[in-house]
PDB file of N, CA and C in Angstrom:
ATOM      1  N   MET A   1     -44.761 -12.248 -37.899  1.00  0.00           N
ATOM      2  CA  MET A   1     -44.372 -11.170 -37.106  1.00  0.00           C
ATOM      3  C   MET A   1     -43.011 -11.087 -36.594  1.00  0.00           C
ATOM      4  N   ASN A   2     -42.413 -10.133 -36.689  1.00  0.00           N
ATOM      5  CA  ASN A   2     -40.877 -10.095 -36.046  1.00  0.00           C
ATOM      6  C   ASN A   2     -41.211  -9.550 -34.483  1.00  0.00           C
ATOM      7  N   LEU A   3     -40.923 -10.542 -33.705  1.00  0.00           N
ATOM      8  CA  LEU A   3     -41.286 -10.333 -32.157  1.00  0.00           C
ATOM      9  C   LEU A   3     -40.102  -9.109 -31.708  1.00  0.00           C
ATOM     10  N   SER A   4     -39.067  -9.467 -32.251  1.00  0.00           N
ATOM     11  CA  SER A   4     -38.195  -8.129 -31.632  1.00  0.00           C
ATOM     12  C   SER A   4     -38.692  -6.687 -31.985  1.00  0.00           C
ATOM     13  N   LEU A   5     -39.156  -6.753 -33.431  1.00  0.00           N
ATOM     14  CA  LEU A   5     -39.901  -5.531 -33.839  1.00  0.00           C
ATOM     15  C   LEU A   5     -41.057  -5.154 -32.935  1.00  0.00           C
ATOM     16  N   SER A   6     -41.940  -6.208 -32.717  1.00  0.00           N
ATOM     17  CA  SER A   6     -42.981  -5.636 -32.088  1.00  0.00           C
ATOM     18  C   SER A   6     -42.937  -5.217 -30.594  1.00  0.00           C
ATOM     19  N   ARG A   7     -41.802  -5.428 -30.055  1.00  0.00           N
ATOM     20  CA  ARG A   7     -41.717  -5.054 -28.640  1.00  0.00           C
ATOM     21  C   ARG A   7     -41.328  -3.564 -28.661  1.00  0.00           C
ATOM     22  N   ARG A   8     -40.951  -3.043 -29.748  1.00  0.00           N
ATOM     23  CA  ARG A   8     -40.676  -1.420 -29.971  1.00  0.00           C
ATOM     24  C   ARG A   8     -41.858  -0.742 -30.344  1.00  0.00           C
ATOM     25  N   VAL A   9     -42.984  -1.566 -31.038  1.00  0.00           N
ATOM     26  CA  VAL A   9     -44.141  -0.915 -31.743  1.00  0.00           C
ATOM     27  C   VAL A   9     -44.915  -0.138 -30.640  1.00  0.00           C
ATOM     28  N   LYS A  10     -45.314   1.029 -30.742  1.00  0.00           N
ATOM     29  CA  LYS A  10     -46.576   1.686 -29.964  1.00  0.00           C
ATOM     30  C   LYS A  10     -47.883   1.430 -30.249  1.00  0.00           C
ATOM     31  N   PHE A  11     -48.651   0.994 -29.315  1.00  0.00           N
ATOM     32  CA  PHE A  11     -50.014   0.661 -29.484  1.00  0.00           C
ATOM     33  C   PHE A  11     -50.884   1.627 -29.149  1.00  0.00           C
ATOM     34  N   HIS A  12     -51.925   1.924 -30.073  1.00  0.00           N
ATOM     35  CA  HIS A  12     -52.721   3.159 -29.778  1.00  0.00           C
ATOM     36  C   HIS A  12     -54.159   2.261 -29.690  1.00  0.00           C
ATOM     37  N   PHE A  13     -54.910   2.490 -28.593  1.00  0.00           N
ATOM     38  CA  PHE A  13     -56.111   2.062 -28.332  1.00  0.00           C
ATOM     39  C   PHE A  13     -57.307   3.208 -27.938  1.00  0.00           C
ATOM     40  N   ARG A  14     -58.468   3.096 -28.720  1.00  0.00           N
ATOM     41  CA  ARG A  14     -59.467   4.008 -28.253  1.00  0.00           C
ATOM     42  C   ARG A  14     -60.642   3.275 -27.539  1.00  0.00           C
ATOM     43  N   LEU A  15     -61.108   3.377 -26.467  1.00  0.00           N
ATOM     44  CA  LEU A  15     -61.990   2.897 -25.680  1.00  0.00           C
ATOM     45  C   LEU A  15     -63.141   3.745 -25.581  1.00  0.00           C
ATOM     46  N   TYR A  16     -64.337   3.266 -26.219  1.00  0.00           N
ATOM     47  CA  TYR A  16     -65.606   3.915 -25.988  1.00  0.00           C
ATOM     48  C   TYR A  16     -66.513   3.437 -25.074  1.00  0.00           C
ATOM     49  N   VAL A  17     -66.570   4.480 -24.102  1.00  0.00           N
ATOM     50  CA  VAL A  17     -67.579   4.046 -22.683  1.00  0.00           C
ATOM     51  C   VAL A  17     -68.684   5.031 -22.637  1.00  0.00           C
ATOM     52  N   ALA A  18     -69.620   4.549 -21.852  1.00  0.00           N
ATOM     53  CA  ALA A  18     -70.928   5.271 -21.627  1.00  0.00           C
ATOM     54  C   ALA A  18     -70.892   5.941 -20.143  1.00  0.00           C
ATOM     55  N   ASP A  19     -70.524   7.046 -20.074  1.00  0.00           N
ATOM     56  CA  ASP A  19     -70.312   7.776 -18.785  1.00  0.00           C
ATOM     57  C   ASP A  19     -69.329   6.839 -17.977  1.00  0.00           C
ATOM     58  N   GLU A  20     -69.721   6.782 -16.597  1.00  0.00           N
ATOM     59  CA  GLU A  20     -69.155   6.247 -15.535  1.00  0.00           C
ATOM     60  C   GLU A  20     -69.916   5.033 -15.083  1.00  0.00           C
ATOM     61  N   THR A  21     -70.424   4.261 -16.130  1.00  0.00           N
ATOM     62  CA  THR A  21     -71.074   3.037 -15.619  1.00  0.00           C
ATOM     63  C   THR A  21     -70.267   2.044 -15.225  1.00  0.00           C
ATOM     64  N   GLN A  22     -70.771   0.803 -14.489  1.00  0.00           N
ATOM     65  CA  GLN A  22     -69.924   0.130 -13.825  1.00  0.00           C
ATOM     66  C   GLN A  22     -69.155  -0.653 -14.978  1.00  0.00           C
ATOM     67  N   ASN A  23     -69.671  -0.980 -16.222  1.00  0.00           N
ATOM     68  CA  ASN A  23     -69.129  -1.857 -17.209  1.00  0.00           C
ATOM     69  C   ASN A  23     -68.049  -0.929 -17.717  1.00  0.00           C
ATOM     70  N   SER A  24     -68.088   0.386 -17.809  1.00  0.00           N
ATOM     71  CA  SER A  24     -67.116   1.240 -18.450  1.00  0.00           C
ATOM     72  C   SER A  24     -65.963   1.368 -17.629  1.00  0.00           C
ATOM     73  N   MET A  25     -66.250   1.475 -16.225  1.00  0.00           N
ATOM     74  CA  MET A  25     -65.182   1.665 -15.420  1.00  0.00           C
ATOM     75  C   MET A  25     -64.295   0.173 -15.413  1.00  0.00           C
ATOM     76  N   ARG A  26     -65.072  -0.677 -15.496  1.00  0.00           N
ATOM     77  CA  ARG A  26     -64.241  -2.107 -15.362  1.00  0.00           C
ATOM     78  C   ARG A  26     -63.531  -2.135 -16.625  1.00  0.00           C
ATOM     79  N   ALA A  27     -64.024  -1.833 -17.862  1.00  0.00           N
ATOM     80  CA  ALA A  27     -63.272  -1.937 -18.970  1.00  0.00           C
ATOM     81  C   ALA A  27     -61.997  -1.068 -19.061  1.00  0.00           C
ATOM     82  N   ILE A  28     -62.045   0.298 -18.310  1.00  0.00           N
ATOM     83  CA  ILE A  28     -61.145   0.885 -18.358  1.00  0.00           C
ATOM     84  C   ILE A  28     -60.022   0.635 -17.322  1.00  0.00           C
ATOM     85  N   ALA A  29     -60.177  -0.133 -16.269  1.00  0.00           N
ATOM     86  CA  ALA A  29     -59.284  -0.608 -15.342  1.00  0.00           C
ATOM     87  C   ALA A  29     -58.782  -1.866 -16.120  1.00  0.00           C
ATOM     88  N   ASN A  30     -59.542  -2.888 -16.660  1.00  0.00           N
ATOM     89  CA  ASN A  30     -59.006  -4.001 -17.323  1.00  0.00           C
ATOM     90  C   ASN A  30     -58.155  -3.714 -18.458  1.00  0.00           C
ATOM     91  N   LEU A  31     -58.412  -2.890 -19.138  1.00  0.00           N
ATOM     92  CA  LEU A  31     -57.341  -2.264 -20.283  1.00  0.00           C
ATOM     93  C   LEU A  31     -55.823  -1.843 -19.765  1.00  0.00           C
ATOM     94  N   ALA A  32     -56.223  -0.793 -18.644  1.00  0.00           N
ATOM     95  CA  ALA A  32     -55.040  -0.296 -18.134  1.00  0.00           C
ATOM     96  C   ALA A  32     -54.096  -1.248 -17.547  1.00  0.00           C
ATOM     97  N   ALA A  33     -54.668  -2.430 -16.848  1.00  0.00           N
ATOM     98  CA  ALA A  33     -53.933  -3.654 -16.141  1.00  0.00           C
ATOM     99  C   ALA A  33     -53.254  -4.288 -17.424  1.00  0.00           C
ATOM    100  N   LEU A  34     -54.003  -4.722 -18.407  1.00  0.00           N
ATOM    101  CA  LEU A  34     -53.440  -5.427 -19.455  1.00  0.00           C
ATOM    102  C   LEU A  34     -52.327  -4.773 -19.914  1.00  0.00           C
ATOM    103  N   CYS A  35     -52.525  -3.579 -20.447  1.00  0.00           N
ATOM    104  CA  CYS A  35     -51.617  -2.550 -21.004  1.00  0.00           C
ATOM    105  C   CYS A  35     -50.286  -2.559 -20.299  1.00  0.00           C
ATOM    106  N   ARG A  36     -50.491  -2.216 -18.913  1.00  0.00           N
ATOM    107  CA  ARG A  36     -49.358  -2.242 -18.100  1.00  0.00           C
ATOM    108  C   ARG A  36     -48.319  -3.746 -18.049  1.00  0.00           C
ATOM    109  N   GLU A  37     -49.334  -4.543 -18.043  1.00  0.00           N
ATOM    110  CA  GLU A  37     -48.639  -5.976 -17.961  1.00  0.00           C
ATOM    111  C   GLU A  37     -48.202  -6.477 -19.304  1.00  0.00           C
ATOM    112  N   GLN A  38     -48.804  -6.187 -20.395  1.00  0.00           N
ATOM    113  CA  GLN A  38     -48.154  -6.643 -21.757  1.00  0.00           C
ATOM    114  C   GLN A  38     -47.628  -5.749 -22.543  1.00  0.00           C
ATOM    115  N   LEU A  39     -47.805  -4.545 -22.326  1.00  0.00           N
ATOM    116  CA  LEU A  39     -47.157  -3.470 -23.312  1.00  0.00           C
ATOM    117  C   LEU A  39     -46.492  -2.169 -22.425  1.00  0.00           C
ATOM    118  N   PRO A  40     -45.811  -2.637 -21.357  1.00  0.00           N
ATOM    119  CA  PRO A  40     -45.262  -1.433 -20.566  1.00  0.00           C
ATOM    120  C   PRO A  40     -44.400  -0.441 -21.465  1.00  0.00           C
ATOM    121  N   ASP A  41     -44.932   0.799 -21.309  1.00  0.00           N
ATOM    122  CA  ASP A  41     -44.230   1.943 -21.758  1.00  0.00           C
ATOM    123  C   ASP A  41     -44.645   1.902 -23.477  1.00  0.00           C
ATOM    124  N   ARG A  42     -45.479   1.243 -23.972  1.00  0.00           N
ATOM    125  CA  ARG A  42     -45.675   1.152 -25.447  1.00  0.00           C
ATOM    126  C   ARG A  42     -47.194   1.204 -25.775  1.00  0.00           C
ATOM    127  N   TYR A  43     -47.808   2.120 -25.177  1.00  0.00           N
ATOM    128  CA  TYR A  43     -49.170   2.028 -25.579  1.00  0.00           C
ATOM    129  C   TYR A  43     -49.551   3.497 -25.269  1.00  0.00           C
ATOM    130  N   VAL A  44     -51.063   3.733 -25.903  1.00  0.00           N
ATOM    131  CA  VAL A  44     -51.457   4.979 -25.812  1.00  0.00           C
ATOM    132  C   VAL A  44     -53.027   4.557 -25.559  1.00  0.00           C
ATOM    133  N   ILE A  45     -53.745   5.152 -24.555  1.00  0.00           N
ATOM    134  CA  ILE A  45     -55.269   4.742 -24.367  1.00  0.00           C
ATOM    135  C   ILE A  45     -56.035   6.141 -24.741  1.00  0.00           C
ATOM    136  N   GLU A  46     -56.906   5.908 -25.334  1.00  0.00           N
ATOM    137  CA  GLU A  46     -57.804   7.389 -25.515  1.00  0.00           C
ATOM    138  C   GLU A  46     -59.099   6.829 -25.081  1.00  0.00           C
ATOM    139  N   ILE A  47     -59.840   7.594 -24.331  1.00  0.00           N
ATOM    140  CA  ILE A  47     -61.239   7.261 -23.841  1.00  0.00           C
ATOM    141  C   ILE A  47     -62.113   8.286 -24.602  1.00  0.00           C
ATOM    142  N   VAL A  48     -63.178   7.680 -25.198  1.00  0.00           N
ATOM    143  CA  VAL A  48     -64.347   8.508 -25.792  1.00  0.00           C
ATOM    144  C   VAL A  48     -65.719   8.058 -24.983  1.00  0.00           C
ATOM    145  N   ASP A  49     -66.012   9.154 -24.458  1.00  0.00           N
ATOM    146  CA  ASP A  49     -67.235   8.873 -23.640  1.00  0.00           C
ATOM    147  C   ASP A  49     -68.510   9.304 -24.818  1.00  0.00           C
ATOM    148  N   VAL A  50     -69.165   8.190 -25.212  1.00  0.00           N
ATOM    149  CA  VAL A  50     -70.280   8.405 -26.160  1.00  0.00           C
ATOM    150  C   VAL A  50     -71.436   9.306 -25.897  1.00  0.00           C
ATOM    151  N   PHE A  51     -71.539   9.790 -24.392  1.00  0.00           N
ATOM    152  CA  PHE A  51     -72.620  10.464 -23.998  1.00  0.00           C
ATOM    153  C   PHE A  51     -72.197  12.064 -24.345  1.00  0.00           C
ATOM    154  N   LYS A  52     -70.844  12.368 -24.311  1.00  0.00           N
ATOM    155  CA  LYS A  52     -70.241  13.543 -24.423  1.00  0.00           C
ATOM    156  C   LYS A  52     -69.948  13.927 -25.807  1.00  0.00           C
ATOM    157  N   GLU A  53     -69.591  12.699 -26.746  1.00  0.00           N
ATOM    158  CA  GLU A  53     -69.281  12.797 -28.063  1.00  0.00           C
ATOM    159  C   GLU A  53     -70.143  11.947 -28.930  1.00  0.00           C
ATOM    160  N   PRO A  54     -71.521  12.009 -28.805  1.00  0.00           N
ATOM    161  CA  PRO A  54     -72.141  10.861 -29.581  1.00  0.00           C
ATOM    162  C   PRO A  54     -72.032  10.800 -31.157  1.00  0.00           C
ATOM    163  N   LYS A  55     -72.116  12.259 -31.782  1.00  0.00           N
ATOM    164  CA  LYS A  55     -71.660  12.188 -33.188  1.00  0.00           C
ATOM    165  C   LYS A  55     -70.432  11.326 -33.502  1.00  0.00           C
ATOM    166  N   ARG A  56     -69.266  11.645 -32.935  1.00  0.00           N
ATOM    167  CA  ARG A  56     -68.140  10.937 -33.072  1.00  0.00           C
ATOM    168  C   ARG A  56     -68.253   9.244 -32.978  1.00  0.00           C
ATOM    169  N   ALA A  57     -68.867   8.970 -32.038  1.00  0.00           N
ATOM    170  CA  ALA A  57     -69.279   7.435 -32.005  1.00  0.00           C
ATOM    171  C   ALA A  57     -70.172   6.856 -32.864  1.00  0.00           C
ATOM    172  N   LEU A  58     -71.031   7.765 -33.486  1.00  0.00           N
ATOM    173  CA  LEU A  58     -71.852   7.167 -34.598  1.00  0.00           C
ATOM    174  C   LEU A  58     -71.044   7.257 -35.907  1.00  0.00           C
ATOM    175  N   GLU A  59     -70.223   8.268 -36.043  1.00  0.00           N
ATOM    176  CA  GLU A  59     -69.298   8.523 -37.200  1.00  0.00           C
ATOM    177  C   GLU A  59     -68.535   7.177 -37.227  1.00  0.00           C
ATOM    178  N   ASP A  60     -67.929   6.826 -36.072  1.00  0.00           N
ATOM    179  CA  ASP A  60     -66.869   5.696 -35.923  1.00  0.00           C
ATOM    180  C   ASP A  60     -67.759   4.366 -35.775  1.00  0.00           C
ATOM    181  N   GLY A  61     -69.010   4.251 -35.980  1.00  0.00           N
ATOM    182  CA  GLY A  61     -69.580   2.979 -36.119  1.00  0.00           C
ATOM    183  C   GLY A  61     -69.744   2.244 -34.626  1.00  0.00           C
ATOM    184  N   ILE A  62     -69.776   2.909 -33.730  1.00  0.00           N
ATOM    185  CA  ILE A  62     -70.001   2.394 -32.384  1.00  0.00           C
ATOM    186  C   ILE A  62     -71.234   2.370 -31.974  1.00  0.00           C
ATOM    187  N   LEU A  63     -71.896   0.980 -31.667  1.00  0.00           N
ATOM    188  CA  LEU A  63     -73.294   0.820 -31.392  1.00  0.00           C
ATOM    189  C   LEU A  63     -73.459   0.304 -30.053  1.00  0.00           C
ATOM    190  N   MET A  64     -72.272  -0.032 -29.440  1.00  0.00           N
ATOM    191  CA  MET A  64     -72.357  -0.815 -28.295  1.00  0.00           C
ATOM    192  C   MET A  64     -71.259  -0.345 -27.304  1.00  0.00           C
ATOM    193  N   THR A  65     -71.360  -0.047 -25.784  1.00  0.00           N
ATOM    194  CA  THR A  65     -70.281   0.198 -25.076  1.00  0.00           C
ATOM    195  C   THR A  65     -70.351  -0.874 -24.049  1.00  0.00           C
ATOM    196  N   PRO A  66     -68.910  -1.144 -23.322  1.00  0.00           N
ATOM    197  CA  PRO A  66     -67.756  -0.532 -23.845  1.00  0.00           C
ATOM    198  C   PRO A  66     -67.318  -1.284 -25.123  1.00  0.00           C
ATOM    199  N   THR A  67     -66.693  -0.616 -26.109  1.00  0.00           N
ATOM    200  CA  THR A  67     -65.947  -0.963 -27.422  1.00  0.00           C
ATOM    201  C   THR A  67     -64.720  -0.435 -27.278  1.00  0.00           C
ATOM    202  N   LEU A  68     -63.703  -1.291 -27.463  1.00  0.00           N
ATOM    203  CA  LEU A  68     -62.114  -1.232 -27.566  1.00  0.00           C
ATOM    204  C   LEU A  68     -61.731  -1.210 -29.175  1.00  0.00           C
ATOM    205  N   VAL A  69     -60.946  -0.266 -29.712  1.00  0.00           N
ATOM    206  CA  VAL A  69     -60.618  -0.265 -30.862  1.00  0.00           C
ATOM    207  C   VAL A  69     -59.034  -0.211 -30.806  1.00  0.00           C
ATOM    208  N   LYS A  70     -58.289  -1.072 -31.465  1.00  0.00           N
ATOM    209  CA  LYS A  70     -56.794  -1.170 -31.536  1.00  0.00           C
ATOM    210  C   LYS A  70     -56.488  -0.409 -32.757  1.00  0.00           C
ATOM    211  N   LEU A  71     -56.309   0.650 -32.811  1.00  0.00           N
ATOM    212  CA  LEU A  71     -55.820   1.653 -33.963  1.00  0.00           C
ATOM    213  C   LEU A  71     -54.509   1.247 -34.669  1.00  0.00           C
ATOM    214  N   ALA A  72     -53.623   1.058 -33.915  1.00  0.00           N
ATOM    215  CA  ALA A  72     -52.332   0.786 -34.349  1.00  0.00           C
ATOM    216  C   ALA A  72     -51.492  -0.063 -33.464  1.00  0.00           C
ATOM    217  N   PRO A  73     -50.759  -0.907 -33.864  1.00  0.00           N
ATOM    218  CA  PRO A  73     -50.471  -0.887 -35.445  1.00  0.00           C
ATOM    219  C   PRO A  73     -51.503  -1.856 -35.984  1.00  0.00           C
ATOM    220  N   ALA A  74     -51.392  -1.602 -37.474  1.00  0.00           N
ATOM    221  CA  ALA A  74     -52.559  -2.257 -38.257  1.00  0.00           C
ATOM    222  C   ALA A  74     -52.393  -3.849 -37.999  1.00  0.00           C
ATOM    223  N   PRO A  75     -53.331  -4.593 -38.339  1.00  0.00           N
ATOM    224  CA  PRO A  75     -54.835  -4.188 -38.750  1.00  0.00           C
ATOM    225  C   PRO A  75     -55.549  -3.719 -37.540  1.00  0.00           C
ATOM    226  N   VAL A  76     -56.443  -2.882 -37.728  1.00  0.00           N
ATOM    227  CA  VAL A  76     -57.639  -2.574 -36.675  1.00  0.00           C
ATOM    228  C   VAL A  76     -58.294  -3.427 -36.248  1.00  0.00           C
ATOM    229  N   ARG A  77     -58.620  -3.725 -35.125  1.00  0.00           N
ATOM    230  CA  ARG A  77     -59.443  -4.613 -34.271  1.00  0.00           C
ATOM    231  C   ARG A  77     -60.146  -3.988 -33.356  1.00  0.00           C
ATOM    232  N   ARG A  78     -61.489  -4.637 -32.980  1.00  0.00           N
ATOM    233  CA  ARG A  78     -62.494  -4.214 -32.465  1.00  0.00           C
ATOM    234  C   ARG A  78     -62.890  -5.310 -31.155  1.00  0.00           C
ATOM    235  N   ILE A  79     -63.264  -5.082 -30.068  1.00  0.00           N
ATOM    236  CA  ILE A  79     -63.859  -5.874 -29.216  1.00  0.00           C
ATOM    237  C   ILE A  79     -64.877  -5.294 -28.128  1.00  0.00           C
ATOM    238  N   VAL A  80     -65.935  -5.838 -27.946  1.00  0.00           N
ATOM    239  CA  VAL A  80     -66.901  -5.262 -27.035  1.00  0.00           C
ATOM    240  C   VAL A  80     -66.956  -6.012 -25.778  1.00  0.00           C
ATOM    241  N   GLY A  81     -67.006  -5.285 -24.629  1.00  0.00           N
ATOM    242  CA  GLY A  81     -67.110  -5.930 -23.386  1.00  0.00           C
ATOM    243  C   GLY A  81     -66.386  -5.167 -22.498  1.00  0.00           C
ATOM    244  N   THR A  82     -66.266  -5.924 -21.122  1.00  0.00           N
ATOM    245  CA  THR A  82     -65.499  -5.279 -19.999  1.00  0.00           C
ATOM    246  C   THR A  82     -63.989  -5.524 -20.042  1.00  0.00           C
ATOM    247  N   LEU A  83     -63.669  -6.630 -21.020  1.00  0.00           N
ATOM    248  CA  LEU A  83     -62.235  -6.746 -21.156  1.00  0.00           C
ATOM    249  C   LEU A  83     -61.623  -7.767 -19.979  1.00  0.00           C
ATOM    250  N   GLY A  84     -62.490  -8.316 -19.303  1.00  0.00           N
ATOM    251  CA  GLY A  84     -61.845  -9.088 -18.198  1.00  0.00           C
ATOM    252  C   GLY A  84     -61.237 -10.449 -18.428  1.00  0.00           C
ATOM    253  N   ASP A  85     -61.523 -10.892 -19.599  1.00  0.00           N
ATOM    254  CA  ASP A  85     -60.600 -12.073 -19.917  1.00  0.00           C
ATOM    255  C   ASP A  85     -59.416 -11.695 -20.645  1.00  0.00           C
ATOM    256  N   SER A  86     -58.451 -11.689 -20.181  1.00  0.00           N
ATOM    257  CA  SER A  86     -57.279 -11.115 -20.754  1.00  0.00           C
ATOM    258  C   SER A  86     -56.800 -11.804 -22.081  1.00  0.00           C
ATOM    259  N   GLN A  87     -56.879 -13.158 -22.039  1.00  0.00           N
ATOM    260  CA  GLN A  87     -56.427 -14.283 -23.052  1.00  0.00           C
ATOM    261  C   GLN A  87     -57.500 -13.907 -24.197  1.00  0.00           C
ATOM    262  N   THR A  88     -58.501 -13.946 -23.988  1.00  0.00           N
ATOM    263  CA  THR A  88     -59.371 -13.538 -24.981  1.00  0.00           C
ATOM    264  C   THR A  88     -59.271 -12.095 -25.702  1.00  0.00           C
ATOM    265  N   VAL A  89     -59.014 -11.144 -24.796  1.00  0.00           N
ATOM    266  CA  VAL A  89     -58.772  -9.736 -25.241  1.00  0.00           C
ATOM    267  C   VAL A  89     -57.373  -9.831 -26.471  1.00  0.00           C
ATOM    268  N   LEU A  90     -56.423 -10.640 -25.885  1.00  0.00           N
ATOM    269  CA  LEU A  90     -55.166 -10.692 -26.432  1.00  0.00           C
ATOM    270  C   LEU A  90     -55.350 -11.327 -27.715  1.00  0.00           C
ATOM    271  N   LEU A  91     -56.236 -12.227 -27.977  1.00  0.00           N
ATOM    272  CA  LEU A  91     -56.522 -13.028 -29.223  1.00  0.00           C
ATOM    273  C   LEU A  91     -57.403 -12.133 -30.166  1.00  0.00           C
ATOM    274  N   ALA A  92     -58.574 -11.469 -29.587  1.00  0.00           N
ATOM    275  CA  ALA A  92     -59.357 -10.656 -30.333  1.00  0.00           C
ATOM    276  C   ALA A  92     -58.547  -9.446 -31.010  1.00  0.00           C
ATOM    277  N   LEU A  93     -57.544  -8.855 -30.181  1.00  0.00           N
ATOM    278  CA  LEU A  93     -56.866  -7.669 -30.677  1.00  0.00           C
ATOM    279  C   LEU A  93     -55.619  -8.182 -31.433  1.00  0.00           C
ATOM    280  N   ASP A  94     -55.464  -9.518 -31.741  1.00  0.00           N
ATOM    281  CA  ASP A  94     -54.400  -9.902 -32.469  1.00  0.00           C
ATOM    282  C   ASP A  94     -52.995  -9.635 -31.810  1.00  0.00           C
ATOM    283  N   LEU A  95     -52.783  -9.712 -30.416  1.00  0.00           N
ATOM    284  CA  LEU A  95     -51.942  -9.654 -29.635  1.00  0.00           C
ATOM    285  C   LEU A  95     -51.296 -10.746 -28.936  1.00  0.00           C
ATOM    286  N   GLU A  96     -51.836 -12.027 -29.233  1.00  0.00           N
ATOM    287  CA  GLU A  96     -51.269 -13.111 -28.575  1.00  0.00           C
ATOM    288  C   GLU A  96     -49.880 -13.478 -28.938  1.00  0.00           C
ATOM    289  N   THR A  97     -49.303 -13.055 -29.832  1.00  0.00           N
ATOM    290  CA  THR A  97     -47.871 -13.237 -29.805  1.00  0.00           C
ATOM    291  C   THR A  97     -46.935 -12.587 -29.003  1.00  0.00           C
ATOM    292  N   LEU A  98     -47.713 -11.396 -28.296  1.00  0.00           N
ATOM    293  CA  LEU A  98     -46.685 -10.687 -27.215  1.00  0.00           C
ATOM    294  C   LEU A  98     -46.758 -11.637 -26.008  1.00  0.00           C
ATOM    295  N   ASP A  99     -47.946 -12.498 -25.783  1.00  0.00           N
ATOM    296  CA  ASP A  99     -47.615 -13.183 -24.618  1.00  0.00           C
ATOM    297  C   ASP A  99     -46.663 -14.233 -24.729  1.00  0.00           C
ATOM    298  N   ARG A 100     -46.469 -14.894 -26.000  1.00  0.00           N
ATOM    299  CA  ARG A 100     -45.415 -15.753 -25.803  1.00  0.00           C
ATOM    300  C   ARG A 100     -43.953 -15.174 -26.014  1.00  0.00           C
ATOM    301  N   ALA A 101     -43.819 -14.078 -26.749  1.00  0.00           N
ATOM    302  CA  ALA A 101     -42.639 -13.241 -26.603  1.00  0.00           C
ATOM    303  C   ALA A 101     -42.105 -12.678 -25.231  1.00  0.00           C
ATOM    304  N   ALA A 102     -43.008 -12.545 -24.364  1.00  0.00           N
ATOM    305  CA  ALA A 102     -42.599 -12.045 -22.948  1.00  0.00           C
ATOM    306  C   ALA A 102     -41.573 -12.870 -22.292  1.00  0.00           C
TER     307      ALA A 102
END
């Protein structure tokens, strides 16, 4: 991976949550903090509430919440949970090289 190129890439995340449950709110806060720290000005976060859009969640294969999907850049990656351990999230989403490049 070209690390200088990776610094310019825009990341697109979709976070599936279940209303305003405690785990959903934690996942939103943890993802926002991680993005601010690791990807300043290079990310888009889309929140999908599975209670408001159940058909979309099913079509996207979401069976548990919170579920985070990294849509771009490829490859697509998924992680389930509150995203509290940033190092695990970076590894799961294939973003660990960003930590070394900073």
